[in-house]
Structure formats: C-alpha cells, structure tokens
C-alpha cells in the first residue's frame, strides 16, 4: 500500500460542429487554451503477480480546471470581436488499474513502465457553467517512473499520459438555450480530455 501526491496538466481536445451557426449567421470555433494545472492525491494498492510484474490500483482525486478559447467568424471568414475564454472547473475521481513492469534493481534504484486505464467520474456538474460535462469517462494511460529505495519506504517519481475515450460534452443543457452561452456548447461536436500527470508515490 501507499499514497500519491501529484501535479497534473490537462486540457480538452475539440471536434468542431461545422453545421452550427448562431442567430446572426456567424460560425464559432473552439480550441484548447493550453494545459492548465491540476492537483492530484490518491492511494496505491499493489499486488505482485510474478517477478517484475505487478497489478496496481490507484484511486485518486483530481482538482483543477480546463479552458477553451472561442473565436467567432462571419460566413466570409472575417473575425468578429475578441477571443472568448471559457473556464471549466474539473473535480474528478479516478479508479485506474495498471500493469507495472519493473526492471531489475540496481543498488537502490529501479526504473519501471506501466500501462492501463479505468473509469473516471466527474463531480462538478454545475448546470450554471457555460459548458456542462458528462458525469462519466473512461481513460487509458501509460507512463514510466523510478523506484528509489530508502530505509523505510520506496519513493517513486512517476510520469503518466492519459487520454479520455468518451465525449465529455453534455449537449443536453437547457439552462443555456437562448443565452450568450449557447454557442459555446453548440459549436462543439465532441470534447475529449487529455492529461499529463507528474506524481510522487510513497510505498
């Protein structure tokens, strides 16, 4: 058993809805505003399957936000106004399972790689937000790390890349209909998550 403290950087990958135009006949396009920081804390349950190969579960809580930039254009491609930034607060519970392969130990050091994934539950479902997210996602992830053996525990810096498989945008958002927020949802056909996580594991 062990625990996790980490820092993540996440954003959304967008697929535009090319058929959408607003009430004035203008088109909207959404792009990622860049990776935003997220804080991560969790626990580790690890089972040794065979020599060098472990199965582990790392339920964790992540707090942060992901941002999108929206640009508005006329039908002939002329940009209207300034870029609008939309901030989406993200509070998630993740329950991933990983297969971890560890190289042979050299002194007090051993590198490892891991691959896996699992469900992700979004807890921030505020209908007053410009974008309403779905409550469930499935994430796949892979990464690498280093086991550093101390007298009382293993200290493991770890780097992981995660990709959401399901659309995170909830199009059923009646609170925004007829408001200035409506183009933010209607201009996007699909929204998927991406995250880079740097964690420090204590086992």
Protein backbone atom coordinates (compact mmCIF):
# COMPACT_ATOMS: atom_id res chain seq x y z
CA UNK A 1 0.00 0.00 0.00
CA UNK A 2 1.00 3.62 -0.42
CA UNK A 3 -0.18 7.13 -1.21
CA UNK A 4 0.15 9.62 -4.06
CA UNK A 5 0.76 13.36 -4.26
CA UNK A 6 0.93 14.88 -7.70
CA UNK A 7 0.52 17.72 -10.13
CA UNK A 8 -1.27 17.34 -13.43
CA UNK A 9 -1.69 19.43 -16.56
CA UNK A 10 -4.86 18.89 -18.55
CA UNK A 11 -6.87 20.25 -21.45
CA UNK A 12 -9.62 19.33 -23.91
CA UNK A 13 -9.32 18.14 -27.48
CA UNK A 14 -12.20 19.56 -29.54
CA UNK A 15 -14.07 18.41 -32.64
CA UNK A 16 -15.99 21.33 -34.19
CA UNK A 17 -19.64 21.23 -35.20
CA UNK A 18 -19.37 22.64 -38.71
CA UNK A 19 -23.13 22.76 -39.18
CA UNK A 20 -23.77 25.21 -36.32
CA UNK A 21 -24.37 28.92 -36.92
CA UNK A 22 -25.68 31.35 -34.31
CA UNK A 23 -28.77 33.56 -34.61
CA UNK A 24 -26.76 36.14 -36.59
CA UNK A 25 -25.47 33.56 -39.06
CA UNK A 26 -21.93 33.51 -37.61
CA UNK A 27 -19.76 30.46 -37.02
CA UNK A 28 -17.92 29.65 -33.79
CA UNK A 29 -14.75 27.63 -33.32
CA UNK A 30 -13.29 26.26 -30.08
CA UNK A 31 -9.63 25.46 -29.41
CA UNK A 32 -7.70 24.46 -26.33
CA UNK A 33 -6.42 27.40 -24.27
CA UNK A 34 -3.40 25.32 -23.26
CA UNK A 35 -2.63 22.89 -20.48
CA UNK A 36 -3.94 24.00 -17.08
CA UNK A 37 -2.59 22.79 -13.73
CA UNK A 38 -4.43 20.21 -11.63
CA UNK A 39 -3.73 18.83 -8.16
CA UNK A 40 -3.85 15.08 -7.56
CA UNK A 41 -3.98 13.00 -4.38
CA UNK A 42 -4.67 9.30 -4.01
CA UNK A 43 -3.72 5.90 -2.67
CA UNK A 44 -1.99 2.80 -4.02
CA UNK A 45 -2.88 -0.89 -3.72
CA UNK A 46 -0.26 -3.10 -5.35
CA UNK A 47 -0.23 -6.86 -5.98
CA UNK A 48 2.83 -8.75 -7.20
CA UNK A 49 1.79 -11.19 -9.96
CA UNK A 50 5.17 -12.60 -10.92
CA UNK A 51 8.74 -11.38 -10.64
CA UNK A 52 8.99 -7.84 -12.07
CA UNK A 53 5.26 -7.65 -12.93
CA UNK A 54 2.66 -6.04 -10.65
CA UNK A 55 -1.03 -5.23 -10.82
CA UNK A 56 -1.96 -1.99 -9.10
CA UNK A 57 -5.00 0.16 -8.45
CA UNK A 58 -4.57 3.86 -7.72
CA UNK A 59 -7.89 5.55 -6.83
CA UNK A 60 -7.33 9.29 -6.71
CA UNK A 61 -8.98 12.69 -6.58
CA UNK A 62 -8.05 15.47 -9.02
CA UNK A 63 -8.88 19.17 -8.68
CA UNK A 64 -8.34 21.76 -11.40
CA UNK A 65 -9.75 23.36 -14.49
CA UNK A 66 -9.63 23.08 -18.30
CA UNK A 67 -10.00 26.08 -20.58
CA UNK A 68 -11.22 26.65 -24.12
CA UNK A 69 -10.84 29.66 -26.42
CA UNK A 70 -13.76 30.55 -28.72
CA UNK A 71 -13.50 32.64 -31.87
CA UNK A 72 -16.43 33.97 -33.90
CA UNK A 73 -16.33 34.45 -37.69
CA UNK A 74 -18.72 35.72 -40.35
CA UNK A 75 -19.70 33.44 -43.23
CA UNK A 76 -16.96 35.02 -45.39
CA UNK A 77 -14.29 34.30 -42.76
CA UNK A 78 -13.96 37.71 -41.11
CA UNK A 79 -13.21 37.51 -37.38
CA UNK A 80 -15.68 39.22 -35.06
CA UNK A 81 -14.58 40.61 -31.70
CA UNK A 82 -12.00 39.15 -29.34
CA UNK A 83 -11.33 35.55 -28.35
CA UNK A 84 -13.63 34.40 -25.54
CA UNK A 85 -12.09 32.21 -22.85
CA UNK A 86 -14.33 29.65 -21.14
CA UNK A 87 -13.12 28.14 -17.85
CA UNK A 88 -14.49 24.73 -16.85
CA UNK A 89 -13.87 23.56 -13.29
CA UNK A 90 -12.98 19.85 -13.08
CA UNK A 91 -13.23 17.73 -9.95
CA UNK A 92 -12.81 14.04 -10.74
CA UNK A 93 -12.46 10.68 -9.04
CA UNK A 94 -10.36 8.18 -10.98
CA UNK A 95 -10.13 4.42 -10.34
CA UNK A 96 -7.48 3.15 -12.78
CA UNK A 97 -5.81 -0.26 -12.90
CA UNK A 98 -2.28 -0.66 -14.24
CA UNK A 99 0.14 -3.39 -15.19
CA UNK A 100 3.55 -2.32 -13.97
CA UNK A 101 6.78 -3.86 -15.24
CA UNK A 102 9.88 -3.12 -13.16
CA UNK A 103 13.43 -3.64 -14.34
CA UNK A 104 15.99 -5.44 -12.23
CA UNK A 105 17.07 -3.44 -9.21
CA UNK A 106 20.49 -1.79 -9.35
CA UNK A 107 21.54 -0.73 -5.89
CA UNK A 108 18.73 1.45 -4.57
CA UNK A 109 17.29 2.28 -7.99
CA UNK A 110 14.89 0.52 -10.40
CA UNK A 111 13.05 2.02 -13.41
CA UNK A 112 9.60 0.82 -14.46
CA UNK A 113 6.89 1.30 -17.08
CA UNK A 114 3.13 0.94 -16.68
CA UNK A 115 0.01 0.86 -18.85
CA UNK A 116 -3.67 0.67 -18.02
CA UNK A 117 -6.79 2.73 -17.52
CA UNK A 118 -10.18 2.81 -15.91
CA UNK A 119 -13.31 4.81 -15.14
CA UNK A 120 -13.36 8.50 -14.29
CA UNK A 121 -16.23 10.24 -12.51
CA UNK A 122 -16.76 13.98 -12.86
CA UNK A 123 -18.17 15.54 -9.68
CA UNK A 124 -18.50 19.12 -10.94
CA UNK A 125 -21.83 19.08 -12.81
CA UNK A 126 -22.94 22.66 -12.20
CA UNK A 127 -25.66 23.49 -14.79
CA UNK A 128 -24.82 27.20 -14.43
CA UNK A 129 -21.41 26.66 -16.06
CA UNK A 130 -21.08 27.69 -19.73
CA UNK A 131 -20.12 24.08 -20.53
CA UNK A 132 -21.86 21.14 -18.86
CA UNK A 133 -19.75 17.98 -18.69
CA UNK A 134 -20.88 14.37 -18.61
CA UNK A 135 -20.51 12.51 -15.36
CA UNK A 136 -18.56 9.52 -16.71
CA UNK A 137 -15.48 8.90 -18.81
CA UNK A 138 -13.03 6.06 -19.50
CA UNK A 139 -9.35 6.89 -19.61
CA UNK A 140 -6.36 4.98 -20.94
CA UNK A 141 -2.90 5.87 -19.71
CA UNK A 142 0.73 4.88 -19.96
CA UNK A 143 3.85 6.13 -18.26
CA UNK A 144 7.15 5.44 -16.59
CA UNK A 145 8.81 6.01 -13.24
CA UNK A 146 11.71 5.24 -10.97
CA UNK A 147 11.74 3.34 -7.70
CA UNK A 148 14.19 4.81 -5.21
CA UNK A 149 14.63 2.61 -2.16
CA UNK A 150 15.13 4.26 1.21
CA UNK A 151 15.47 2.68 4.62
CA UNK A 152 11.73 2.78 5.39
CA UNK A 153 9.84 3.17 2.09
CA UNK A 154 10.07 3.41 -1.70
CA UNK A 155 9.96 6.89 -3.21
CA UNK A 156 8.74 6.81 -6.82
CA UNK A 157 8.62 9.83 -9.14
CA UNK A 158 6.21 8.91 -11.96
CA UNK A 159 5.12 10.45 -15.28
CA UNK A 160 1.86 9.43 -16.97
CA UNK A 161 -0.04 10.45 -20.11
CA UNK A 162 -3.81 9.93 -20.08
CA UNK A 163 -6.42 10.16 -22.83
CA UNK A 164 -10.19 10.14 -22.39
CA UNK A 165 -12.14 7.87 -24.74
CA UNK A 166 -15.66 9.25 -24.33
CA UNK A 167 -17.26 12.56 -25.29
CA UNK A 168 -17.28 14.81 -22.22
CA UNK A 169 -19.65 17.49 -23.52
CA UNK A 170 -23.27 17.20 -22.41
CA UNK A 171 -25.37 18.66 -25.23
CA UNK A 172 -28.50 18.42 -23.07
CA UNK A 173 -28.02 21.78 -21.38
CA UNK A 174 -31.39 23.59 -21.33
CA UNK A 175 -30.15 26.32 -18.98
CA UNK A 176 -28.07 27.90 -21.77
CA UNK A 177 -30.71 27.93 -24.50
CA UNK A 178 -31.25 31.47 -25.75
CA UNK A 179 -28.32 32.84 -23.72
CA UNK A 180 -24.87 34.06 -24.76
CA UNK A 181 -23.51 30.70 -23.53
CA UNK A 182 -25.36 28.66 -26.15
CA UNK A 183 -22.68 28.89 -28.91
CA UNK A 184 -20.08 27.51 -26.50
CA UNK A 185 -21.89 24.17 -26.44
CA UNK A 186 -23.45 24.08 -29.91
CA UNK A 187 -20.18 24.89 -31.72
CA UNK A 188 -18.53 21.72 -30.38
CA UNK A 189 -19.40 18.27 -31.70
CA UNK A 190 -17.11 16.32 -29.36
CA UNK A 191 -14.92 17.10 -26.36
CA UNK A 192 -12.31 14.65 -25.05
CA UNK A 193 -9.81 15.05 -22.22
CA UNK A 194 -6.03 14.82 -22.16
CA UNK A 195 -3.77 14.98 -19.14
CA UNK A 196 -0.10 14.78 -18.21
CA UNK A 197 0.42 13.78 -14.58
CA UNK A 198 3.60 14.03 -12.51
CA UNK A 199 3.19 12.17 -9.25
CA UNK A 200 5.32 11.30 -6.26
CA UNK A 201 4.45 7.88 -4.87
CA UNK A 202 5.32 6.75 -1.37
CA UNK A 203 5.09 2.97 -0.93
